[in-house]
Amino acid sequence: MRRRNAPAVVLYSATTDDATVVAAALAGAGAVVSKSSPAGSLLEAIRSVARAPHLLPPASLRMRREAAARLDPADRPILVMRLAGYPPAEISETLRVPVNAVRDRLAAIIARLEPIGTAH
């Protein structure tokens, strides 16, 4: 469930690969649109996310497994729930940890996964 008055976010990116979708989902974006798409695609994504906040395509099983393998076991439930669209407050309730701790862990997860899909 999205917070009331929470901003709907569309990530407008040069890359829209699986790694970008995972990062966008973890950060709470509602959609990803390629910069190479026609302007109408961006406008439609903005309208769509305003109506339904979670329009991201699911990350591939390979990408989800790769991401999970790079995390501490304690962070894996947060990854799974966030990729499923759960907001930090619901993850907090489910795991019985403070919401600020979930937000901090999400930031750490994003930082840890940042290199996925890029050349080192």
C-alpha atoms as a PDB file:
ATOM      1  CA  MET A   1       0.000   0.000   0.000  1.00  0.00           C
ATOM      2  CA  ARG A   2       1.442   3.361  -1.004  1.00  0.00           C
ATOM      3  CA  ARG A   3       1.558   6.169   1.541  1.00  0.00           C
ATOM      4  CA  ARG A   4      -0.999   8.857   1.021  1.00  0.00           C
ATOM      5  CA  ASN A   5       0.589  11.841  -0.727  1.00  0.00           C
ATOM      6  CA  ALA A   6       3.728   9.849  -1.559  1.00  0.00           C
ATOM      7  CA  PRO A   7       5.132  11.026  -4.879  1.00  0.00           C
ATOM      8  CA  ALA A   8       4.801   8.722  -7.857  1.00  0.00           C
ATOM      9  CA  VAL A   9       8.191   8.290  -9.513  1.00  0.00           C
ATOM     10  CA  VAL A  10       9.115   7.450 -13.090  1.00  0.00           C
ATOM     11  CA  LEU A  11      12.782   6.704 -13.700  1.00  0.00           C
ATOM     12  CA  TYR A  12      13.824   8.175 -17.060  1.00  0.00           C
ATOM     13  CA  SER A  13      17.033   6.366 -17.880  1.00  0.00           C
ATOM     14  CA  ALA A  14      19.447   5.597 -20.678  1.00  0.00           C
ATOM     15  CA  THR A  15      19.418   1.992 -19.488  1.00  0.00           C
ATOM     16  CA  THR A  16      16.315  -0.048 -18.754  1.00  0.00           C
ATOM     17  CA  ASP A  17      17.944  -3.429 -18.230  1.00  0.00           C
ATOM     18  CA  ASP A  18      17.160  -5.873 -15.426  1.00  0.00           C
ATOM     19  CA  ALA A  19      19.675  -4.273 -13.064  1.00  0.00           C
ATOM     20  CA  THR A  20      18.019  -0.887 -13.538  1.00  0.00           C
ATOM     21  CA  VAL A  21      14.582  -2.387 -12.868  1.00  0.00           C
ATOM     22  CA  VAL A  22      15.857  -3.972  -9.628  1.00  0.00           C
ATOM     23  CA  ALA A  23      17.402  -0.682  -8.483  1.00  0.00           C
ATOM     24  CA  ALA A  24      14.249   1.234  -9.418  1.00  0.00           C
ATOM     25  CA  ALA A  25      12.049  -1.203  -7.499  1.00  0.00           C
ATOM     26  CA  LEU A  26      14.262  -1.038  -4.416  1.00  0.00           C
ATOM     27  CA  ALA A  27      14.227   2.748  -4.544  1.00  0.00           C
ATOM     28  CA  GLY A  28      10.434   2.816  -4.877  1.00  0.00           C
ATOM     29  CA  ALA A  29      10.043   3.954  -8.471  1.00  0.00           C
ATOM     30  CA  GLY A  30       6.795   3.088 -10.174  1.00  0.00           C
ATOM     31  CA  ALA A  31       8.085   2.739 -13.729  1.00  0.00           C
ATOM     32  CA  VAL A  32      11.216   2.892 -15.864  1.00  0.00           C
ATOM     33  CA  VAL A  33      11.203   4.562 -19.276  1.00  0.00           C
ATOM     34  CA  SER A  34      14.086   4.529 -21.716  1.00  0.00           C
ATOM     35  CA  LYS A  35      15.390   7.900 -22.878  1.00  0.00           C
ATOM     36  CA  SER A  36      15.310   6.463 -26.394  1.00  0.00           C
ATOM     37  CA  SER A  37      11.525   5.988 -26.166  1.00  0.00           C
ATOM     38  CA  PRO A  38       9.205   8.492 -27.817  1.00  0.00           C
ATOM     39  CA  ALA A  39       8.087  11.384 -25.610  1.00  0.00           C
ATOM     40  CA  GLY A  40       4.587   9.931 -25.600  1.00  0.00           C
ATOM     41  CA  SER A  41       5.893   6.853 -23.755  1.00  0.00           C
ATOM     42  CA  LEU A  42       7.223   9.021 -20.952  1.00  0.00           C
ATOM     43  CA  LEU A  43       3.964  10.965 -20.686  1.00  0.00           C
ATOM     44  CA  GLU A  44       1.930   7.746 -20.638  1.00  0.00           C
ATOM     45  CA  ALA A  45       4.175   6.284 -17.933  1.00  0.00           C
ATOM     46  CA  ILE A  46       3.665   9.401 -15.811  1.00  0.00           C
ATOM     47  CA  ARG A  47      -0.104   9.165 -16.220  1.00  0.00           C
ATOM     48  CA  SER A  48      -0.093   5.427 -15.531  1.00  0.00           C
ATOM     49  CA  VAL A  49       2.034   5.678 -12.389  1.00  0.00           C
ATOM     50  CA  ALA A  50      -0.295   8.387 -11.098  1.00  0.00           C
ATOM     51  CA  ARG A  51      -3.153   5.852 -11.386  1.00  0.00           C
ATOM     52  CA  ALA A  52      -1.307   2.682 -10.299  1.00  0.00           C
ATOM     53  CA  PRO A  53       2.015   3.212  -8.530  1.00  0.00           C
ATOM     54  CA  HIS A  54       3.700  -0.107  -9.401  1.00  0.00           C
ATOM     55  CA  LEU A  55       4.130  -0.688 -13.127  1.00  0.00           C
ATOM     56  CA  LEU A  56       7.663  -2.036 -13.158  1.00  0.00           C
ATOM     57  CA  PRO A  57       8.152  -5.274 -15.018  1.00  0.00           C
ATOM     58  CA  PRO A  58       9.299  -8.100 -12.767  1.00  0.00           C
ATOM     59  CA  ALA A  59      13.035  -8.637 -12.593  1.00  0.00           C
ATOM     60  CA  SER A  60      14.241 -11.857 -14.146  1.00  0.00           C
ATOM     61  CA  LEU A  61      14.777 -14.859 -11.913  1.00  0.00           C
ATOM     62  CA  ARG A  62      18.478 -14.740 -12.818  1.00  0.00           C
ATOM     63  CA  MET A  63      18.763 -11.110 -11.687  1.00  0.00           C
ATOM     64  CA  ARG A  64      16.830 -11.726  -8.461  1.00  0.00           C
ATOM     65  CA  ARG A  65      19.082 -14.689  -7.626  1.00  0.00           C
ATOM     66  CA  GLU A  66      22.219 -12.713  -8.451  1.00  0.00           C
ATOM     67  CA  ALA A  67      21.066  -9.831  -6.266  1.00  0.00           C
ATOM     68  CA  ALA A  68      20.135 -12.117  -3.358  1.00  0.00           C
ATOM     69  CA  ALA A  69      23.493 -13.912  -3.549  1.00  0.00           C
ATOM     70  CA  ARG A  70      25.318 -10.601  -3.059  1.00  0.00           C
ATOM     71  CA  LEU A  71      23.418  -9.712   0.105  1.00  0.00           C
ATOM     72  CA  ASP A  72      23.673 -10.720   3.725  1.00  0.00           C
ATOM     73  CA  PRO A  73      21.036 -13.378   4.500  1.00  0.00           C
ATOM     74  CA  ALA A  74      19.232 -10.923   6.810  1.00  0.00           C
ATOM     75  CA  ASP A  75      18.707  -8.514   3.892  1.00  0.00           C
ATOM     76  CA  ARG A  76      17.228 -11.075   1.502  1.00  0.00           C
ATOM     77  CA  PRO A  77      13.654 -10.852   2.878  1.00  0.00           C
ATOM     78  CA  ILE A  78      13.791  -7.067   2.440  1.00  0.00           C
ATOM     79  CA  LEU A  79      14.923  -7.518  -1.174  1.00  0.00           C
ATOM     80  CA  VAL A  80      12.148 -10.018  -1.925  1.00  0.00           C
ATOM     81  CA  MET A  81       9.407  -7.935  -0.309  1.00  0.00           C
ATOM     82  CA  ARG A  82      10.562  -4.688  -1.928  1.00  0.00           C
ATOM     83  CA  LEU A  83      10.736  -6.311  -5.378  1.00  0.00           C
ATOM     84  CA  ALA A  84       7.189  -7.543  -4.740  1.00  0.00           C
ATOM     85  CA  GLY A  85       6.122  -3.922  -4.211  1.00  0.00           C
ATOM     86  CA  TYR A  86       5.866  -3.782  -0.433  1.00  0.00           C
ATOM     87  CA  PRO A  87       6.583  -0.308   0.967  1.00  0.00           C
ATOM     88  CA  PRO A  88       9.080   0.086   3.809  1.00  0.00           C
ATOM     89  CA  ALA A  89       6.295   0.451   6.404  1.00  0.00           C
ATOM     90  CA  GLU A  90       4.810  -2.946   5.538  1.00  0.00           C
ATOM     91  CA  ILE A  91       8.243  -4.560   5.461  1.00  0.00           C
ATOM     92  CA  SER A  92       8.848  -3.038   8.886  1.00  0.00           C
ATOM     93  CA  GLU A  93       5.617  -4.530  10.240  1.00  0.00           C
ATOM     94  CA  THR A  94       6.273  -7.940   8.747  1.00  0.00           C
ATOM     95  CA  LEU A  95       9.854  -8.173   9.995  1.00  0.00           C
ATOM     96  CA  ARG A  96       9.056  -6.393  13.262  1.00  0.00           C
ATOM     97  CA  VAL A  97      11.866  -3.883  12.911  1.00  0.00           C
ATOM     98  CA  PRO A  98      11.682  -0.071  12.932  1.00  0.00           C
ATOM     99  CA  VAL A  99      10.779   1.480   9.597  1.00  0.00           C
ATOM    100  CA  ASN A 100      13.915   3.636   9.734  1.00  0.00           C
ATOM    101  CA  ALA A 101      15.977   0.451   9.997  1.00  0.00           C
ATOM    102  CA  VAL A 102      14.262  -0.878   6.869  1.00  0.00           C
ATOM    103  CA  ARG A 103      14.962   2.366   5.014  1.00  0.00           C
ATOM    104  CA  ASP A 104      18.603   2.259   6.111  1.00  0.00           C
ATOM    105  CA  ARG A 105      18.900  -1.369   4.988  1.00  0.00           C
ATOM    106  CA  LEU A 106      17.305  -0.521   1.628  1.00  0.00           C
ATOM    107  CA  ALA A 107      19.872   2.221   1.073  1.00  0.00           C
ATOM    108  CA  ALA A 108      22.659  -0.218   1.953  1.00  0.00           C
ATOM    109  CA  ILE A 109      21.174  -2.880  -0.350  1.00  0.00           C
ATOM    110  CA  ILE A 110      20.999  -0.423  -3.242  1.00  0.00           C
ATOM    111  CA  ALA A 111      24.612   0.614  -2.643  1.00  0.00           C
ATOM    112  CA  ARG A 112      25.740  -3.007  -2.461  1.00  0.00           C
ATOM    113  CA  LEU A 113      23.904  -3.979  -5.658  1.00  0.00           C
ATOM    114  CA  GLU A 114      24.889  -0.891  -7.654  1.00  0.00           C
ATOM    115  CA  PRO A 115      27.595  -2.647  -9.680  1.00  0.00           C
ATOM    116  CA  ILE A 116      25.285  -5.460 -10.884  1.00  0.00           C
ATOM    117  CA  GLY A 117      25.288  -5.567 -14.652  1.00  0.00           C
ATOM    118  CA  THR A 118      28.198  -3.170 -15.073  1.00  0.00           C
ATOM    119  CA  ALA A 119      31.777  -3.870 -16.047  1.00  0.00           C
ATOM    120  CA  HIS A 120      34.188  -3.627 -13.122  1.00  0.00           C
END
